[in-house]
Amino acid sequence: MIICIDHTTCCKILTSLTPEKPLPNMKKFILASLMLFISFGAAFAEGTQLSPDAEKKCSDVTRTMANELRLNEMGYIKLKALNRELYAATEEILLTSKSEEQQEKLQALAAKYETELVSFLSPSQLQAYKSYAARVSSSSKFVAIVTQ
């Protein structure tokens, strides 16, 4: 569908559109639109919004854990998404729950995190996670490091 502003411009556009000669910038336009769509899609796909401080901490913890557990790229991506969900849920619990409910909710969240994390770790990575969690749990407030 072509929308014309005036008759002369419309005629020029229509005569320049032959099967052998598409619009010269069409490929660039389609590629730019596709890249824009992908970048916005990736931003909205994550869904959870973290404060800048929480985002930095989440990235740091994810990077450290990925190195300790020797994760491949796919494992890193899964861990990053899981950690972002964890940080967002932790922030929500701390902001919206009463203090007597917080500990119970945080423990339930930690158990859910552990279950989801174990689902994609290999046995050697799971062993590395257990030693990492034991080493870090005393000094970290990161709810995922809570050991049972």
C-alpha atoms as a PDB file:
ATOM      1  CA  MET A   1       0.000   0.000   0.000  1.00  0.00           C
ATOM      2  CA  ILE A   2       1.422   3.364  -1.012  1.00  0.00           C
ATOM      3  CA  ILE A   3       0.157   6.603   0.441  1.00  0.00           C
ATOM      4  CA  CYS A   4       0.813   9.547  -1.835  1.00  0.00           C
ATOM      5  CA  ILE A   5       1.136  13.145  -0.794  1.00  0.00           C
ATOM      6  CA  ASP A   6       0.711  14.491  -4.288  1.00  0.00           C
ATOM      7  CA  HIS A   7       0.170  12.990  -7.726  1.00  0.00           C
ATOM      8  CA  THR A   8       3.682  13.662  -9.091  1.00  0.00           C
ATOM      9  CA  THR A   9       5.480  12.026  -6.176  1.00  0.00           C
ATOM     10  CA  CYS A  10       3.151   9.046  -6.335  1.00  0.00           C
ATOM     11  CA  CYS A  11       3.783   8.532 -10.047  1.00  0.00           C
ATOM     12  CA  LYS A  12       7.568   8.710  -9.526  1.00  0.00           C
ATOM     13  CA  ILE A  13       7.416   6.128  -6.731  1.00  0.00           C
ATOM     14  CA  LEU A  14       5.196   3.787  -8.726  1.00  0.00           C
ATOM     15  CA  THR A  15       7.364   3.987 -11.867  1.00  0.00           C
ATOM     16  CA  SER A  16      10.519   3.340  -9.854  1.00  0.00           C
ATOM     17  CA  LEU A  17       9.025   0.148  -8.354  1.00  0.00           C
ATOM     18  CA  THR A  18       9.755  -2.587 -10.822  1.00  0.00           C
ATOM     19  CA  PRO A  19      10.300  -6.223  -9.864  1.00  0.00           C
ATOM     20  CA  GLU A  20      13.985  -5.927 -10.789  1.00  0.00           C
ATOM     21  CA  LYS A  21      14.529  -2.701  -8.844  1.00  0.00           C
ATOM     22  CA  PRO A  22      13.115  -2.466  -5.289  1.00  0.00           C
ATOM     23  CA  LEU A  23      13.364   0.716  -3.307  1.00  0.00           C
ATOM     24  CA  PRO A  24      17.086   1.387  -2.700  1.00  0.00           C
ATOM     25  CA  ASN A  25      16.789   1.866   1.052  1.00  0.00           C
ATOM     26  CA  MET A  26      14.232  -0.864   1.704  1.00  0.00           C
ATOM     27  CA  LYS A  27      16.809  -3.364   2.985  1.00  0.00           C
ATOM     28  CA  LYS A  28      18.258  -0.748   5.339  1.00  0.00           C
ATOM     29  CA  PHE A  29      14.808   0.194   6.561  1.00  0.00           C
ATOM     30  CA  ILE A  30      13.776  -3.407   7.200  1.00  0.00           C
ATOM     31  CA  LEU A  31      17.055  -4.194   8.942  1.00  0.00           C
ATOM     32  CA  ALA A  32      16.847  -1.080  11.135  1.00  0.00           C
ATOM     33  CA  SER A  33      13.218  -1.841  12.022  1.00  0.00           C
ATOM     34  CA  LEU A  34      14.079  -5.418  12.866  1.00  0.00           C
ATOM     35  CA  MET A  35      16.985  -4.397  15.101  1.00  0.00           C
ATOM     36  CA  LEU A  36      14.845  -1.798  16.849  1.00  0.00           C
ATOM     37  CA  PHE A  37      12.107  -4.374  17.433  1.00  0.00           C
ATOM     38  CA  ILE A  38      14.612  -6.894  18.806  1.00  0.00           C
ATOM     39  CA  SER A  39      16.224  -4.383  21.165  1.00  0.00           C
ATOM     40  CA  PHE A  40      12.871  -3.241  22.564  1.00  0.00           C
ATOM     41  CA  GLY A  41      11.680  -6.829  22.754  1.00  0.00           C
ATOM     42  CA  ALA A  42      14.735  -7.838  24.770  1.00  0.00           C
ATOM     43  CA  ALA A  43      14.239  -4.940  27.156  1.00  0.00           C
ATOM     44  CA  PHE A  44      10.617  -5.870  27.799  1.00  0.00           C
ATOM     45  CA  ALA A  45      11.252  -9.621  27.849  1.00  0.00           C
ATOM     46  CA  GLU A  46      13.092  -9.410  31.126  1.00  0.00           C
ATOM     47  CA  GLY A  47       9.998  -7.901  32.657  1.00  0.00           C
ATOM     48  CA  THR A  48      11.430  -7.111  36.069  1.00  0.00           C
ATOM     49  CA  GLN A  49      12.687  -3.665  36.875  1.00  0.00           C
ATOM     50  CA  LEU A  50      15.430  -3.373  39.451  1.00  0.00           C
ATOM     51  CA  SER A  51      16.882  -0.322  41.062  1.00  0.00           C
ATOM     52  CA  PRO A  52      20.280   0.634  39.605  1.00  0.00           C
ATOM     53  CA  ASP A  53      22.002  -0.504  42.792  1.00  0.00           C
ATOM     54  CA  ALA A  54      20.220  -3.865  42.774  1.00  0.00           C
ATOM     55  CA  GLU A  55      20.962  -4.290  39.068  1.00  0.00           C
ATOM     56  CA  LYS A  56      24.679  -3.754  39.694  1.00  0.00           C
ATOM     57  CA  LYS A  57      24.700  -6.162  42.640  1.00  0.00           C
ATOM     58  CA  CYS A  58      22.769  -8.724  40.611  1.00  0.00           C
ATOM     59  CA  SER A  59      25.265  -8.475  37.747  1.00  0.00           C
ATOM     60  CA  ASP A  60      28.229  -8.760  40.111  1.00  0.00           C
ATOM     61  CA  VAL A  61      26.794 -11.785  41.922  1.00  0.00           C
ATOM     62  CA  THR A  62      25.829 -13.446  38.631  1.00  0.00           C
ATOM     63  CA  ARG A  63      29.303 -12.898  37.177  1.00  0.00           C
ATOM     64  CA  THR A  64      30.976 -14.257  40.311  1.00  0.00           C
ATOM     65  CA  MET A  65      28.675 -17.269  40.469  1.00  0.00           C
ATOM     66  CA  ALA A  66      29.127 -18.002  36.756  1.00  0.00           C
ATOM     67  CA  ASN A  67      32.915 -18.000  37.205  1.00  0.00           C
ATOM     68  CA  GLU A  68      32.765 -20.147  40.348  1.00  0.00           C
ATOM     69  CA  LEU A  69      30.351 -22.641  38.795  1.00  0.00           C
ATOM     70  CA  ARG A  70      32.083 -22.591  35.399  1.00  0.00           C
ATOM     71  CA  LEU A  71      28.859 -21.919  33.522  1.00  0.00           C
ATOM     72  CA  ASN A  72      28.671 -21.745  29.751  1.00  0.00           C
ATOM     73  CA  GLU A  73      26.887 -18.846  28.044  1.00  0.00           C
ATOM     74  CA  MET A  74      23.451 -20.463  28.203  1.00  0.00           C
ATOM     75  CA  GLY A  75      23.943 -21.227  31.897  1.00  0.00           C
ATOM     76  CA  TYR A  76      24.978 -17.617  32.482  1.00  0.00           C
ATOM     77  CA  ILE A  77      21.842 -16.343  30.763  1.00  0.00           C
ATOM     78  CA  LYS A  78      19.605 -18.632  32.836  1.00  0.00           C
ATOM     79  CA  LEU A  79      21.412 -17.667  36.044  1.00  0.00           C
ATOM     80  CA  LYS A  80      21.143 -13.952  35.246  1.00  0.00           C
ATOM     81  CA  ALA A  81      17.381 -14.234  34.649  1.00  0.00           C
ATOM     82  CA  LEU A  82      16.946 -16.273  37.812  1.00  0.00           C
ATOM     83  CA  ASN A  83      18.982 -13.808  39.867  1.00  0.00           C
ATOM     84  CA  ARG A  84      17.040 -10.845  38.469  1.00  0.00           C
ATOM     85  CA  GLU A  85      13.776 -12.509  39.449  1.00  0.00           C
ATOM     86  CA  LEU A  86      15.198 -13.204  42.881  1.00  0.00           C
ATOM     87  CA  TYR A  87      16.363  -9.632  43.433  1.00  0.00           C
ATOM     88  CA  ALA A  88      13.039  -8.214  42.232  1.00  0.00           C
ATOM     89  CA  ALA A  89      11.048 -10.571  44.466  1.00  0.00           C
ATOM     90  CA  THR A  90      13.334  -9.815  47.423  1.00  0.00           C
ATOM     91  CA  GLU A  91      12.889  -6.071  46.943  1.00  0.00           C
ATOM     92  CA  GLU A  92       9.137  -6.521  46.720  1.00  0.00           C
ATOM     93  CA  ILE A  93       9.008  -8.637  49.881  1.00  0.00           C
ATOM     94  CA  LEU A  94      11.134  -6.173  51.820  1.00  0.00           C
ATOM     95  CA  LEU A  95       9.032  -3.213  50.694  1.00  0.00           C
ATOM     96  CA  THR A  96       5.542  -4.674  50.969  1.00  0.00           C
ATOM     97  CA  SER A  97       5.587  -7.317  53.700  1.00  0.00           C
ATOM     98  CA  LYS A  98       5.345  -6.872  57.418  1.00  0.00           C
ATOM     99  CA  SER A  99       8.531  -7.655  59.279  1.00  0.00           C
ATOM    100  CA  GLU A 100       7.135 -10.838  60.862  1.00  0.00           C
ATOM    101  CA  GLU A 101       6.188 -12.201  57.406  1.00  0.00           C
ATOM    102  CA  GLN A 102       9.442 -11.238  55.687  1.00  0.00           C
ATOM    103  CA  GLN A 103      11.628 -14.043  57.014  1.00  0.00           C
ATOM    104  CA  GLU A 104       9.098 -16.715  56.076  1.00  0.00           C
ATOM    105  CA  LYS A 105       8.623 -15.303  52.567  1.00  0.00           C
ATOM    106  CA  LEU A 106      12.371 -14.917  52.046  1.00  0.00           C
ATOM    107  CA  GLN A 107      12.958 -18.535  53.074  1.00  0.00           C
ATOM    108  CA  ALA A 108      10.259 -19.729  50.658  1.00  0.00           C
ATOM    109  CA  LEU A 109      11.833 -17.595  47.933  1.00  0.00           C
ATOM    110  CA  ALA A 110      15.290 -19.070  48.683  1.00  0.00           C
ATOM    111  CA  ALA A 111      13.885 -22.611  48.449  1.00  0.00           C
ATOM    112  CA  LYS A 112      12.249 -21.820  45.097  1.00  0.00           C
ATOM    113  CA  TYR A 113      15.507 -20.282  43.866  1.00  0.00           C
ATOM    114  CA  GLU A 114      17.502 -23.353  44.893  1.00  0.00           C
ATOM    115  CA  THR A 115      15.033 -25.652  43.104  1.00  0.00           C
ATOM    116  CA  GLU A 116      15.179 -23.648  39.877  1.00  0.00           C
ATOM    117  CA  LEU A 117      18.965 -23.302  40.045  1.00  0.00           C
ATOM    118  CA  VAL A 118      19.512 -27.028  40.571  1.00  0.00           C
ATOM    119  CA  SER A 119      17.338 -27.765  37.525  1.00  0.00           C
ATOM    120  CA  PHE A 120      19.996 -26.536  35.076  1.00  0.00           C
ATOM    121  CA  LEU A 121      23.248 -27.267  36.944  1.00  0.00           C
ATOM    122  CA  SER A 122      25.358 -30.304  36.251  1.00  0.00           C
ATOM    123  CA  PRO A 123      26.471 -32.426  39.228  1.00  0.00           C
ATOM    124  CA  SER A 124      29.931 -30.796  39.290  1.00  0.00           C
ATOM    125  CA  GLN A 125      28.367 -27.323  39.066  1.00  0.00           C
ATOM    126  CA  LEU A 126      25.974 -28.224  41.873  1.00  0.00           C
ATOM    127  CA  GLN A 127      28.906 -29.251  44.075  1.00  0.00           C
ATOM    128  CA  ALA A 128      30.675 -25.977  43.211  1.00  0.00           C
ATOM    129  CA  TYR A 129      27.487 -24.069  44.096  1.00  0.00           C
ATOM    130  CA  LYS A 130      27.258 -25.761  47.497  1.00  0.00           C
ATOM    131  CA  SER A 131      30.837 -24.821  48.359  1.00  0.00           C
ATOM    132  CA  TYR A 132      30.264 -21.286  47.033  1.00  0.00           C
ATOM    133  CA  ALA A 133      27.059 -20.932  49.084  1.00  0.00           C
ATOM    134  CA  ALA A 134      28.770 -22.186  52.247  1.00  0.00           C
ATOM    135  CA  ARG A 135      31.643 -19.745  51.754  1.00  0.00           C
ATOM    136  CA  VAL A 136      29.490 -16.691  50.969  1.00  0.00           C
ATOM    137  CA  SER A 137      26.368 -17.215  53.115  1.00  0.00           C
ATOM    138  CA  SER A 138      27.782 -15.712  56.287  1.00  0.00           C
ATOM    139  CA  SER A 139      28.802 -12.434  54.653  1.00  0.00           C
ATOM    140  CA  SER A 140      26.036 -11.929  52.085  1.00  0.00           C
ATOM    141  CA  LYS A 141      22.470 -10.707  52.358  1.00  0.00           C
ATOM    142  CA  PHE A 142      21.671 -12.278  49.017  1.00  0.00           C
ATOM    143  CA  VAL A 143      18.683 -14.478  49.803  1.00  0.00           C
ATOM    144  CA  ALA A 144      19.736 -17.169  47.346  1.00  0.00           C
ATOM    145  CA  ILE A 145      22.793 -17.993  49.401  1.00  0.00           C
ATOM    146  CA  VAL A 146      20.664 -19.134  52.318  1.00  0.00           C
ATOM    147  CA  THR A 147      21.624 -22.746  52.897  1.00  0.00           C
ATOM    148  CA  GLN A 148      19.187 -25.214  54.262  1.00  0.00           C
END
